[in-house]
């Protein structure tokens, strides 16, 4: 599988995750999201940026959904944030699907908690 973005072929593994994380850009994220049927609103971009920051600036950390909920309650200053809020942005799982769109490796975690 591969994505074609701005005339460039972006290689992926069998699950659609980027082979080379350096190929990632916002345009690549849009292409992956479109393929997955996801619309990237501001909250989705916040999640993507958080996951990328955690991975690249925190020793390869890939937060689970519980940690993501905790972070976004504070980040969005909204105590009502829950896993459902994250699933509204990434219906196939905020940790896995958002990581894919963020150009990160596939997490091997099974669940959100």
PDB file of N, CA and C in Angstrom:
ATOM      1  N   UNK A   1       0.846  -1.171   0.000  1.00  0.00           N
ATOM      2  CA  UNK A   1       0.000   0.000   0.000  1.00  0.00           C
ATOM      3  C   UNK A   1       0.896   1.240   0.000  1.00  0.00           C
ATOM      4  N   UNK A   2       0.418   2.281  -0.621  1.00  0.00           N
ATOM      5  CA  UNK A   2       1.151   3.556  -0.651  1.00  0.00           C
ATOM      6  C   UNK A   2       0.152   4.685  -0.857  1.00  0.00           C
ATOM      7  N   UNK A   3       0.557   5.871  -0.478  1.00  0.00           N
ATOM      8  CA  UNK A   3      -0.232   7.074  -0.721  1.00  0.00           C
ATOM      9  C   UNK A   3       0.536   7.918  -1.727  1.00  0.00           C
ATOM     10  N   UNK A   4      -0.190   8.579  -2.613  1.00  0.00           N
ATOM     11  CA  UNK A   4       0.435   9.528  -3.526  1.00  0.00           C
ATOM     12  C   UNK A   4       0.001  10.922  -3.087  1.00  0.00           C
ATOM     13  N   UNK A   5       0.994  11.732  -2.711  1.00  0.00           N
ATOM     14  CA  UNK A   5       0.733  13.079  -2.197  1.00  0.00           C
ATOM     15  C   UNK A   5       1.644  14.046  -2.950  1.00  0.00           C
ATOM     16  N   UNK A   6       1.025  15.015  -3.615  1.00  0.00           N
ATOM     17  CA  UNK A   6       1.781  16.007  -4.388  1.00  0.00           C
ATOM     18  C   UNK A   6       2.753  15.351  -5.364  1.00  0.00           C
ATOM     19  N   UNK A   7       2.325  14.255  -5.973  1.00  0.00           N
ATOM     20  CA  UNK A   7       3.145  13.562  -6.955  1.00  0.00           C
ATOM     21  C   UNK A   7       4.190  12.637  -6.369  1.00  0.00           C
ATOM     22  N   UNK A   8       4.301  12.567  -5.060  1.00  0.00           N
ATOM     23  CA  UNK A   8       5.265  11.687  -4.397  1.00  0.00           C
ATOM     24  C   UNK A   8       4.567  10.451  -3.869  1.00  0.00           C
ATOM     25  N   UNK A   9       5.202   9.311  -4.028  1.00  0.00           N
ATOM     26  CA  UNK A   9       4.669   8.068  -3.492  1.00  0.00           C
ATOM     27  C   UNK A   9       5.211   7.876  -2.087  1.00  0.00           C
ATOM     28  N   UNK A  10       4.305   7.725  -1.141  1.00  0.00           N
ATOM     29  CA  UNK A  10       4.653   7.555   0.274  1.00  0.00           C
ATOM     30  C   UNK A  10       4.420   6.090   0.630  1.00  0.00           C
ATOM     31  N   UNK A  11       5.481   5.386   0.938  1.00  0.00           N
ATOM     32  CA  UNK A  11       5.405   3.951   1.229  1.00  0.00           C
ATOM     33  C   UNK A  11       4.817   3.691   2.609  1.00  0.00           C
ATOM     34  N   UNK A  12       4.005   2.630   2.700  1.00  0.00           N
ATOM     35  CA  UNK A  12       3.423   2.208   3.971  1.00  0.00           C
ATOM     36  C   UNK A  12       3.595   0.714   4.155  1.00  0.00           C
ATOM     37  N   UNK A  13       3.345   0.259   5.371  1.00  0.00           N
ATOM     38  CA  UNK A  13       3.344  -1.177   5.624  1.00  0.00           C
ATOM     39  C   UNK A  13       1.984  -1.741   5.216  1.00  0.00           C
ATOM     40  N   UNK A  14       1.756  -2.987   5.513  1.00  0.00           N
ATOM     41  CA  UNK A  14       0.501  -3.649   5.118  1.00  0.00           C
ATOM     42  C   UNK A  14      -0.730  -3.066   5.798  1.00  0.00           C
ATOM     43  N   UNK A  15      -0.548  -2.354   6.913  1.00  0.00           N
ATOM     44  CA  UNK A  15      -1.680  -1.767   7.642  1.00  0.00           C
ATOM     45  C   UNK A  15      -1.865  -0.286   7.354  1.00  0.00           C
ATOM     46  N   UNK A  16      -1.055   0.269   6.456  1.00  0.00           N
ATOM     47  CA  UNK A  16      -1.201   1.669   6.082  1.00  0.00           C
ATOM     48  C   UNK A  16      -0.389   2.642   6.906  1.00  0.00           C
ATOM     49  N   UNK A  17       0.485   2.149   7.783  1.00  0.00           N
ATOM     50  CA  UNK A  17       1.361   3.014   8.576  1.00  0.00           C
ATOM     51  C   UNK A  17       2.599   3.354   7.752  1.00  0.00           C
ATOM     52  N   UNK A  18       3.091   4.575   7.900  1.00  0.00           N
ATOM     53  CA  UNK A  18       4.252   5.007   7.137  1.00  0.00           C
ATOM     54  C   UNK A  18       5.469   4.141   7.449  1.00  0.00           C
ATOM     55  N   UNK A  19       6.204   3.792   6.395  1.00  0.00           N
ATOM     56  CA  UNK A  19       7.452   3.054   6.574  1.00  0.00           C
ATOM     57  C   UNK A  19       8.523   4.005   7.112  1.00  0.00           C
ATOM     58  N   UNK A  20       8.539   5.229   6.611  1.00  0.00           N
ATOM     59  CA  UNK A  20       9.518   6.234   7.028  1.00  0.00           C
ATOM     60  C   UNK A  20       8.775   7.422   7.623  1.00  0.00           C
ATOM     61  N   UNK A  21       8.889   7.625   8.931  1.00  0.00           N
ATOM     62  CA  UNK A  21       8.153   8.717   9.583  1.00  0.00           C
ATOM     63  C   UNK A  21       8.561  10.088   9.044  1.00  0.00           C
ATOM     64  N   UNK A  22       9.714  10.197   8.417  1.00  0.00           N
ATOM     65  CA  UNK A  22      10.149  11.473   7.860  1.00  0.00           C
ATOM     66  C   UNK A  22       9.350  11.870   6.610  1.00  0.00           C
ATOM     67  N   UNK A  23       8.573  10.931   6.063  1.00  0.00           N
ATOM     68  CA  UNK A  23       7.710  11.236   4.917  1.00  0.00           C
ATOM     69  C   UNK A  23       6.454  11.992   5.336  1.00  0.00           C
ATOM     70  N   UNK A  24       6.199  12.082   6.645  1.00  0.00           N
ATOM     71  CA  UNK A  24       4.968  12.677   7.139  1.00  0.00           C
ATOM     72  C   UNK A  24       4.941  14.190   6.922  1.00  0.00           C
ATOM     73  N   UNK A  25       3.770  14.677   6.589  1.00  0.00           N
ATOM     74  CA  UNK A  25       3.476  16.114   6.513  1.00  0.00           C
ATOM     75  C   UNK A  25       1.975  16.249   6.746  1.00  0.00           C
ATOM     76  N   UNK A  26       1.515  17.472   6.882  1.00  0.00           N
ATOM     77  CA  UNK A  26       0.073  17.677   7.054  1.00  0.00           C
ATOM     78  C   UNK A  26      -0.685  17.168   5.828  1.00  0.00           C
ATOM     79  N   UNK A  27      -0.090  17.320   4.654  1.00  0.00           N
ATOM     80  CA  UNK A  27      -0.738  16.830   3.429  1.00  0.00           C
ATOM     81  C   UNK A  27      -0.829  15.309   3.430  1.00  0.00           C
ATOM     82  N   UNK A  28       0.219  14.649   3.918  1.00  0.00           N
ATOM     83  CA  UNK A  28       0.194  13.189   4.027  1.00  0.00           C
ATOM     84  C   UNK A  28      -0.876  12.781   5.045  1.00  0.00           C
ATOM     85  N   UNK A  29      -0.942  13.489   6.159  1.00  0.00           N
ATOM     86  CA  UNK A  29      -1.972  13.194   7.170  1.00  0.00           C
ATOM     87  C   UNK A  29      -3.363  13.319   6.561  1.00  0.00           C
ATOM     88  N   UNK A  30      -3.591  14.351   5.774  1.00  0.00           N
ATOM     89  CA  UNK A  30      -4.890  14.541   5.114  1.00  0.00           C
ATOM     90  C   UNK A  30      -5.200  13.367   4.185  1.00  0.00           C
ATOM     91  N   UNK A  31      -4.197  12.887   3.455  1.00  0.00           N
ATOM     92  CA  UNK A  31      -4.404  11.759   2.535  1.00  0.00           C
ATOM     93  C   UNK A  31      -4.758  10.485   3.299  1.00  0.00           C
ATOM     94  N   UNK A  32      -4.040  10.234   4.387  1.00  0.00           N
ATOM     95  CA  UNK A  32      -4.324   9.042   5.196  1.00  0.00           C
ATOM     96  C   UNK A  32      -5.723   9.154   5.803  1.00  0.00           C
ATOM     97  N   UNK A  33      -6.044  10.330   6.324  1.00  0.00           N
ATOM     98  CA  UNK A  33      -7.364  10.544   6.930  1.00  0.00           C
ATOM     99  C   UNK A  33      -8.467  10.342   5.905  1.00  0.00           C
ATOM    100  N   UNK A  34      -8.276  10.874   4.712  1.00  0.00           N
ATOM    101  CA  UNK A  34      -9.285  10.712   3.667  1.00  0.00           C
ATOM    102  C   UNK A  34      -9.481   9.234   3.334  1.00  0.00           C
ATOM    103  N   UNK A  35      -8.394   8.503   3.227  1.00  0.00           N
ATOM    104  CA  UNK A  35      -8.463   7.059   2.959  1.00  0.00           C
ATOM    105  C   UNK A  35      -9.220   6.330   4.072  1.00  0.00           C
ATOM    106  N   UNK A  36      -9.058   6.812   5.317  1.00  0.00           N
ATOM    107  CA  UNK A  36      -9.727   6.205   6.471  1.00  0.00           C
ATOM    108  C   UNK A  36     -11.126   6.774   6.722  1.00  0.00           C
ATOM    109  N   UNK A  37     -11.543   7.751   5.918  1.00  0.00           N
ATOM    110  CA  UNK A  37     -12.867   8.335   6.091  1.00  0.00           C
ATOM    111  C   UNK A  37     -12.969   9.266   7.295  1.00  0.00           C
ATOM    112  N   UNK A  38     -11.859   9.914   7.659  1.00  0.00           N
ATOM    113  CA  UNK A  38     -11.812  10.792   8.832  1.00  0.00           C
ATOM    114  C   UNK A  38     -11.673  12.242   8.378  1.00  0.00           C
ATOM    115  N   UNK A  39     -12.469  13.112   8.969  1.00  0.00           N
ATOM    116  CA  UNK A  39     -12.347  14.550   8.741  1.00  0.00           C
ATOM    117  C   UNK A  39     -11.504  15.127   9.865  1.00  0.00           C
ATOM    118  N   UNK A  40     -10.456  15.848   9.496  1.00  0.00           N
ATOM    119  CA  UNK A  40      -9.549  16.396  10.496  1.00  0.00           C
ATOM    120  C   UNK A  40      -9.983  17.801  10.903  1.00  0.00           C
ATOM    121  N   UNK A  41     -10.679  17.880  12.038  1.00  0.00           N
ATOM    122  CA  UNK A  41     -11.060  19.177  12.601  1.00  0.00           C
ATOM    123  C   UNK A  41      -9.961  19.618  13.581  1.00  0.00           C
ATOM    124  N   UNK A  42     -10.148  20.739  14.254  1.00  0.00           N
ATOM    125  CA  UNK A  42      -9.099  21.240  15.150  1.00  0.00           C
ATOM    126  C   UNK A  42      -8.787  20.269  16.276  1.00  0.00           C
ATOM    127  N   UNK A  43      -9.800  19.634  16.834  1.00  0.00           N
ATOM    128  CA  UNK A  43      -9.535  18.667  17.911  1.00  0.00           C
ATOM    129  C   UNK A  43      -8.718  17.486  17.401  1.00  0.00           C
ATOM    130  N   UNK A  44      -9.013  17.029  16.198  1.00  0.00           N
ATOM    131  CA  UNK A  44      -8.246  15.928  15.614  1.00  0.00           C
ATOM    132  C   UNK A  44      -6.785  16.332  15.444  1.00  0.00           C
ATOM    133  N   UNK A  45      -6.553  17.560  14.963  1.00  0.00           N
ATOM    134  CA  UNK A  45      -5.172  18.041  14.815  1.00  0.00           C
ATOM    135  C   UNK A  45      -4.493  18.163  16.167  1.00  0.00           C
ATOM    136  N   UNK A  46      -5.221  18.589  17.193  1.00  0.00           N
ATOM    137  CA  UNK A  46      -4.648  18.660  18.543  1.00  0.00           C
ATOM    138  C   UNK A  46      -4.177  17.280  18.993  1.00  0.00           C
ATOM    139  N   UNK A  47      -4.992  16.267  18.728  1.00  0.00           N
ATOM    140  CA  UNK A  47      -4.645  14.892  19.105  1.00  0.00           C
ATOM    141  C   UNK A  47      -3.418  14.433  18.331  1.00  0.00           C
ATOM    142  N   UNK A  48      -3.397  14.680  17.032  1.00  0.00           N
ATOM    143  CA  UNK A  48      -2.257  14.295  16.191  1.00  0.00           C
ATOM    144  C   UNK A  48      -0.979  14.967  16.689  1.00  0.00           C
ATOM    145  N   UNK A  49      -1.042  16.251  16.939  1.00  0.00           N
ATOM    146  CA  UNK A  49       0.142  16.983  17.401  1.00  0.00           C
ATOM    147  C   UNK A  49       0.608  16.483  18.762  1.00  0.00           C
ATOM    148  N   UNK A  50      -0.331  16.154  19.639  1.00  0.00           N
ATOM    149  CA  UNK A  50       0.019  15.603  20.952  1.00  0.00           C
ATOM    150  C   UNK A  50       0.730  14.263  20.791  1.00  0.00           C
ATOM    151  N   UNK A  51       0.185  13.383  19.964  1.00  0.00           N
ATOM    152  CA  UNK A  51       0.802  12.066  19.775  1.00  0.00           C
ATOM    153  C   UNK A  51       2.196  12.187  19.174  1.00  0.00           C
ATOM    154  N   UNK A  52       2.351  13.073  18.193  1.00  0.00           N
ATOM    155  CA  UNK A  52       3.669  13.272  17.587  1.00  0.00           C
ATOM    156  C   UNK A  52       4.652  13.828  18.606  1.00  0.00           C
ATOM    157  N   UNK A  53       4.215  14.782  19.418  1.00  0.00           N
ATOM    158  CA  UNK A  53       5.090  15.352  20.435  1.00  0.00           C
ATOM    159  C   UNK A  53       5.509  14.287  21.447  1.00  0.00           C
ATOM    160  N   UNK A  54       4.562  13.501  21.915  1.00  0.00           N
ATOM    161  CA  UNK A  54       4.877  12.444  22.874  1.00  0.00           C
ATOM    162  C   UNK A  54       5.865  11.441  22.289  1.00  0.00           C
ATOM    163  N   UNK A  55       5.664  11.062  21.034  1.00  0.00           N
ATOM    164  CA  UNK A  55       6.525  10.058  20.418  1.00  0.00           C
ATOM    165  C   UNK A  55       7.935  10.599  20.197  1.00  0.00           C
ATOM    166  N   UNK A  56       8.042  11.763  19.597  1.00  0.00           N
ATOM    167  CA  UNK A  56       9.352  12.281  19.216  1.00  0.00           C
ATOM    168  C   UNK A  56      10.091  12.986  20.353  1.00  0.00           C
ATOM    169  N   UNK A  57       9.381  13.495  21.334  1.00  0.00           N
ATOM    170  CA  UNK A  57      10.030  14.255  22.405  1.00  0.00           C
ATOM    171  C   UNK A  57       9.933  13.590  23.769  1.00  0.00           C
ATOM    172  N   UNK A  58       9.423  12.360  23.804  1.00  0.00           N
ATOM    173  CA  UNK A  58       9.274  11.670  25.082  1.00  0.00           C
ATOM    174  C   UNK A  58       9.637  10.189  24.933  1.00  0.00           C
ATOM    175  N   UNK A  59      10.735   9.930  24.262  1.00  0.00           N
ATOM    176  CA  UNK A  59      11.283   8.577  24.184  1.00  0.00           C
ATOM    177  C   UNK A  59      10.417   7.553  23.499  1.00  0.00           C
ATOM    178  N   UNK A  60       9.660   7.958  22.475  1.00  0.00           N
ATOM    179  CA  UNK A  60       8.828   7.001  21.754  1.00  0.00           C
ATOM    180  C   UNK A  60       7.533   6.648  22.454  1.00  0.00           C
ATOM    181  N   UNK A  61       7.122   7.465  23.423  1.00  0.00           N
ATOM    182  CA  UNK A  61       5.886   7.211  24.155  1.00  0.00           C
ATOM    183  C   UNK A  61       4.677   7.255  23.217  1.00  0.00           C
ATOM    184  N   UNK A  62       3.817   6.265  23.336  1.00  0.00           N
ATOM    185  CA  UNK A  62       2.557   6.228  22.606  1.00  0.00           C
ATOM    186  C   UNK A  62       1.443   6.088  23.640  1.00  0.00           C
ATOM    187  N   UNK A  63       0.857   7.228  24.070  1.00  0.00           N
ATOM    188  CA  UNK A  63      -0.127   7.212  25.154  1.00  0.00           C
ATOM    189  C   UNK A  63      -1.347   6.347  24.837  1.00  0.00           C
ATOM    190  N   UNK A  64      -1.858   5.688  25.882  1.00  0.00           N
ATOM    191  CA  UNK A  64      -3.108   4.954  25.707  1.00  0.00           C
ATOM    192  C   UNK A  64      -4.280   5.937  25.844  1.00  0.00           C
ATOM    193  N   UNK A  65      -5.464   5.450  25.621  1.00  0.00           N
ATOM    194  CA  UNK A  65      -6.638   6.333  25.624  1.00  0.00           C
ATOM    195  C   UNK A  65      -6.888   6.965  26.988  1.00  0.00           C
ATOM    196  N   UNK A  66      -6.632   6.245  28.046  1.00  0.00           N
ATOM    197  CA  UNK A  66      -6.828   6.808  29.388  1.00  0.00           C
ATOM    198  C   UNK A  66      -5.931   8.039  29.575  1.00  0.00           C
ATOM    199  N   UNK A  67      -4.675   7.924  29.199  1.00  0.00           N
ATOM    200  CA  UNK A  67      -3.759   9.051  29.324  1.00  0.00           C
ATOM    201  C   UNK A  67      -4.126  10.181  28.370  1.00  0.00           C
ATOM    202  N   UNK A  68      -4.640   9.836  27.202  1.00  0.00           N
ATOM    203  CA  UNK A  68      -5.067  10.863  26.256  1.00  0.00           C
ATOM    204  C   UNK A  68      -6.250  11.648  26.817  1.00  0.00           C
ATOM    205  N   UNK A  69      -7.214  10.959  27.407  1.00  0.00           N
ATOM    206  CA  UNK A  69      -8.375  11.632  28.011  1.00  0.00           C
ATOM    207  C   UNK A  69      -7.899  12.572  29.114  1.00  0.00           C
ATOM    208  N   UNK A  70      -7.029  12.087  29.967  1.00  0.00           N
ATOM    209  CA  UNK A  70      -6.510  12.907  31.063  1.00  0.00           C
ATOM    210  C   UNK A  70      -5.837  14.165  30.519  1.00  0.00           C
ATOM    211  N   UNK A  71      -5.005  14.006  29.501  1.00  0.00           N
ATOM    212  CA  UNK A  71      -4.312  15.149  28.906  1.00  0.00           C
ATOM    213  C   UNK A  71      -5.298  16.156  28.312  1.00  0.00           C
ATOM    214  N   UNK A  72      -6.285  15.680  27.545  1.00  0.00           N
ATOM    215  CA  UNK A  72      -7.174  16.602  26.834  1.00  0.00           C
ATOM    216  C   UNK A  72      -8.227  17.240  27.733  1.00  0.00           C
ATOM    217  N   UNK A  73      -8.541  16.634  28.852  1.00  0.00           N
ATOM    218  CA  UNK A  73      -9.397  17.323  29.836  1.00  0.00           C
ATOM    219  C   UNK A  73      -8.723  18.626  30.254  1.00  0.00           C
ATOM    220  N   UNK A  74      -7.420  18.537  30.490  1.00  0.00           N
ATOM    221  CA  UNK A  74      -6.667  19.724  30.905  1.00  0.00           C
ATOM    222  C   UNK A  74      -6.384  20.643  29.713  1.00  0.00           C
ATOM    223  N   UNK A  75      -5.936  20.078  28.605  1.00  0.00           N
ATOM    224  CA  UNK A  75      -5.549  20.872  27.432  1.00  0.00           C
ATOM    225  C   UNK A  75      -6.723  21.686  26.882  1.00  0.00           C
ATOM    226  N   UNK A  76      -7.895  21.041  26.802  1.00  0.00           N
ATOM    227  CA  UNK A  76      -9.082  21.725  26.293  1.00  0.00           C
ATOM    228  C   UNK A  76      -9.874  22.388  27.416  1.00  0.00           C
ATOM    229  N   UNK A  77      -9.379  22.277  28.647  1.00  0.00           N
ATOM    230  CA  UNK A  77     -10.042  22.874  29.814  1.00  0.00           C
ATOM    231  C   UNK A  77     -11.522  22.490  29.860  1.00  0.00           C
ATOM    232  N   UNK A  78     -11.763  21.175  29.769  1.00  0.00           N
ATOM    233  CA  UNK A  78     -13.133  20.663  29.701  1.00  0.00           C
ATOM    234  C   UNK A  78     -13.198  19.337  30.462  1.00  0.00           C
ATOM    235  N   UNK A  79     -13.757  19.362  31.643  1.00  0.00           N
ATOM    236  CA  UNK A  79     -13.842  18.170  32.484  1.00  0.00           C
ATOM    237  C   UNK A  79     -14.754  17.091  31.904  1.00  0.00           C
ATOM    238  N   UNK A  80     -15.571  17.441  30.911  1.00  0.00           N
ATOM    239  CA  UNK A  80     -16.497  16.458  30.338  1.00  0.00           C
ATOM    240  C   UNK A  80     -15.849  15.595  29.260  1.00  0.00           C
ATOM    241  N   UNK A  81     -14.589  15.848  28.926  1.00  0.00           N
ATOM    242  CA  UNK A  81     -13.903  15.045  27.909  1.00  0.00           C
ATOM    243  C   UNK A  81     -13.811  13.606  28.399  1.00  0.00           C
ATOM    244  N   UNK A  82     -14.151  12.680  27.508  1.00  0.00           N
ATOM    245  CA  UNK A  82     -14.028  11.267  27.813  1.00  0.00           C
ATOM    246  C   UNK A  82     -13.578  10.542  26.554  1.00  0.00           C
ATOM    247  N   UNK A  83     -13.466   9.233  26.637  1.00  0.00           N
ATOM    248  CA  UNK A  83     -13.011   8.453  25.486  1.00  0.00           C
ATOM    249  C   UNK A  83     -13.930   8.655  24.284  1.00  0.00           C
ATOM    250  N   UNK A  84     -15.218   8.811  24.517  1.00  0.00           N
ATOM    251  CA  UNK A  84     -16.168   9.030  23.421  1.00  0.00           C
ATOM    252  C   UNK A  84     -15.790  10.269  22.617  1.00  0.00           C
ATOM    253  N   UNK A  85     -15.342  11.314  23.294  1.00  0.00           N
ATOM    254  CA  UNK A  85     -14.927  12.544  22.622  1.00  0.00           C
ATOM    255  C   UNK A  85     -13.792  12.254  21.641  1.00  0.00           C
ATOM    256  N   UNK A  86     -12.833  11.433  22.076  1.00  0.00           N
ATOM    257  CA  UNK A  86     -11.706  11.095  21.209  1.00  0.00           C
ATOM    258  C   UNK A  86     -12.148  10.203  20.050  1.00  0.00           C
ATOM    259  N   UNK A  87     -13.081   9.284  20.326  1.00  0.00           N
ATOM    260  CA  UNK A  87     -13.596   8.408  19.273  1.00  0.00           C
ATOM    261  C   UNK A  87     -14.408   9.178  18.235  1.00  0.00           C
ATOM    262  N   UNK A  88     -14.959  10.310  18.610  1.00  0.00           N
ATOM    263  CA  UNK A  88     -15.672  11.139  17.633  1.00  0.00           C
ATOM    264  C   UNK A  88     -14.712  11.661  16.570  1.00  0.00           C
ATOM    265  N   UNK A  89     -13.472  11.879  16.947  1.00  0.00           N
ATOM    266  CA  UNK A  89     -12.451  12.323  15.991  1.00  0.00           C
ATOM    267  C   UNK A  89     -11.855  11.145  15.221  1.00  0.00           C
ATOM    268  N   UNK A  90     -11.655  10.031  15.909  1.00  0.00           N
ATOM    269  CA  UNK A  90     -11.004   8.856  15.319  1.00  0.00           C
ATOM    270  C   UNK A  90     -11.810   7.610  15.668  1.00  0.00           C
ATOM    271  N   UNK A  91     -12.837   7.299  14.863  1.00  0.00           N
ATOM    272  CA  UNK A  91     -13.776   6.221  15.190  1.00  0.00           C
ATOM    273  C   UNK A  91     -13.161   4.834  15.326  1.00  0.00           C
ATOM    274  N   UNK A  92     -12.013   4.588  14.701  1.00  0.00           N
ATOM    275  CA  UNK A  92     -11.387   3.270  14.809  1.00  0.00           C
ATOM    276  C   UNK A  92     -10.381   3.198  15.948  1.00  0.00           C
ATOM    277  N   UNK A  93     -10.433   4.171  16.809  1.00  0.00           N
ATOM    278  CA  UNK A  93      -9.562   4.161  17.983  1.00  0.00           C
ATOM    279  C   UNK A  93      -8.613   5.335  17.976  1.00  0.00           C
ATOM    280  N   UNK A  94      -8.748   6.203  18.958  1.00  0.00           N
ATOM    281  CA  UNK A  94      -7.908   7.394  18.990  1.00  0.00           C
ATOM    282  C   UNK A  94      -6.416   7.095  19.131  1.00  0.00           C
ATOM    283  N   UNK A  95      -6.047   6.042  19.810  1.00  0.00           N
ATOM    284  CA  UNK A  95      -4.626   5.732  19.944  1.00  0.00           C
ATOM    285  C   UNK A  95      -4.078   5.158  18.635  1.00  0.00           C
ATOM    286  N   UNK A  96      -4.773   4.210  18.053  1.00  0.00           N
ATOM    287  CA  UNK A  96      -4.268   3.545  16.848  1.00  0.00           C
ATOM    288  C   UNK A  96      -4.506   4.362  15.582  1.00  0.00           C
ATOM    289  N   UNK A  97      -5.733   4.754  15.323  1.00  0.00           N
ATOM    290  CA  UNK A  97      -6.028   5.458  14.078  1.00  0.00           C
ATOM    291  C   UNK A  97      -5.348   6.829  14.045  1.00  0.00           C
ATOM    292  N   UNK A  98      -5.360   7.543  15.148  1.00  0.00           N
ATOM    293  CA  UNK A  98      -4.706   8.854  15.190  1.00  0.00           C
ATOM    294  C   UNK A  98      -3.198   8.702  15.008  1.00  0.00           C
ATOM    295  N   UNK A  99      -2.607   7.660  15.580  1.00  0.00           N
ATOM    296  CA  UNK A  99      -1.172   7.424  15.394  1.00  0.00           C
ATOM    297  C   UNK A  99      -0.842   7.154  13.931  1.00  0.00           C
ATOM    298  N   UNK A 100      -1.692   6.410  13.281  1.00  0.00           N
ATOM    299  CA  UNK A 100      -1.494   6.129  11.857  1.00  0.00           C
ATOM    300  C   UNK A 100      -1.506   7.429  11.060  1.00  0.00           C
ATOM    301  N   UNK A 101      -2.498   8.262  11.301  1.00  0.00           N
ATOM    302  CA  UNK A 101      -2.621   9.528  10.581  1.00  0.00           C
ATOM    303  C   UNK A 101      -1.473  10.467  10.963  1.00  0.00           C
ATOM    304  N   UNK A 102      -0.966  10.336  12.186  1.00  0.00           N
ATOM    305  CA  UNK A 102       0.145  11.164  12.665  1.00  0.00           C
ATOM    306  C   UNK A 102       1.497  10.689  12.131  1.00  0.00           C
ATOM    307  N   UNK A 103       1.504   9.599  11.374  1.00  0.00           N
ATOM    308  CA  UNK A 103       2.752   9.108  10.795  1.00  0.00           C
ATOM    309  C   UNK A 103       3.627   8.344  11.758  1.00  0.00           C
ATOM    310  N   UNK A 104       3.032   7.824  12.818  1.00  0.00           N
ATOM    311  CA  UNK A 104       3.780   7.096  13.838  1.00  0.00           C
ATOM    312  C   UNK A 104       3.673   5.590  13.613  1.00  0.00           C
ATOM    313  N   UNK A 105       4.568   4.818  14.230  1.00  0.00           N
ATOM    314  CA  UNK A 105       4.478   3.365  14.096  1.00  0.00           C
ATOM    315  C   UNK A 105       3.195   2.830  14.734  1.00  0.00           C
ATOM    316  N   UNK A 106       2.791   1.678  14.280  1.00  0.00           N
ATOM    317  CA  UNK A 106       1.604   1.039  14.847  1.00  0.00           C
ATOM    318  C   UNK A 106       1.873   0.626  16.288  1.00  0.00           C
ATOM    319  N   UNK A 107       0.975   1.023  17.176  1.00  0.00           N
ATOM    320  CA  UNK A 107       1.095   0.607  18.566  1.00  0.00           C
ATOM    321  C   UNK A 107       0.629  -0.841  18.675  1.00  0.00           C
ATOM    322  N   UNK A 108       1.252  -1.582  19.527  1.00  0.00           N
ATOM    323  CA  UNK A 108       0.905  -3.000  19.705  1.00  0.00           C
ATOM    324  C   UNK A 108      -0.051  -3.199  20.870  1.00  0.00           C
ATOM    325  N   UNK A 109      -0.456  -2.084  21.511  1.00  0.00           N
ATOM    326  CA  UNK A 109      -1.392  -2.133  22.636  1.00  0.00           C
ATOM    327  C   UNK A 109      -2.741  -2.639  22.143  1.00  0.00           C
ATOM    328  N   UNK A 110      -3.446  -3.401  22.975  1.00  0.00           N
ATOM    329  CA  UNK A 110      -4.731  -3.957  22.557  1.00  0.00           C
ATOM    330  C   UNK A 110      -5.902  -3.064  22.867  1.00  0.00           C
ATOM    331  N   UNK A 111      -5.898  -2.355  23.971  1.00  0.00           N
ATOM    332  CA  UNK A 111      -7.070  -1.572  24.348  1.00  0.00           C
ATOM    333  C   UNK A 111      -6.702  -0.202  24.848  1.00  0.00           C
ATOM    334  N   UNK A 112      -7.717   0.561  25.183  1.00  0.00           N
ATOM    335  CA  UNK A 112      -7.493   1.920  25.633  1.00  0.00           C
ATOM    336  C   UNK A 112      -7.122   2.009  27.101  1.00  0.00           C
ATOM    337  N   UNK A 113      -7.396   0.992  27.869  1.00  0.00           N
ATOM    338  CA  UNK A 113      -7.107   1.050  29.302  1.00  0.00           C
ATOM    339  C   UNK A 113      -6.254  -0.120  29.678  1.00  0.00           C
TER     340      UNK A 113
END
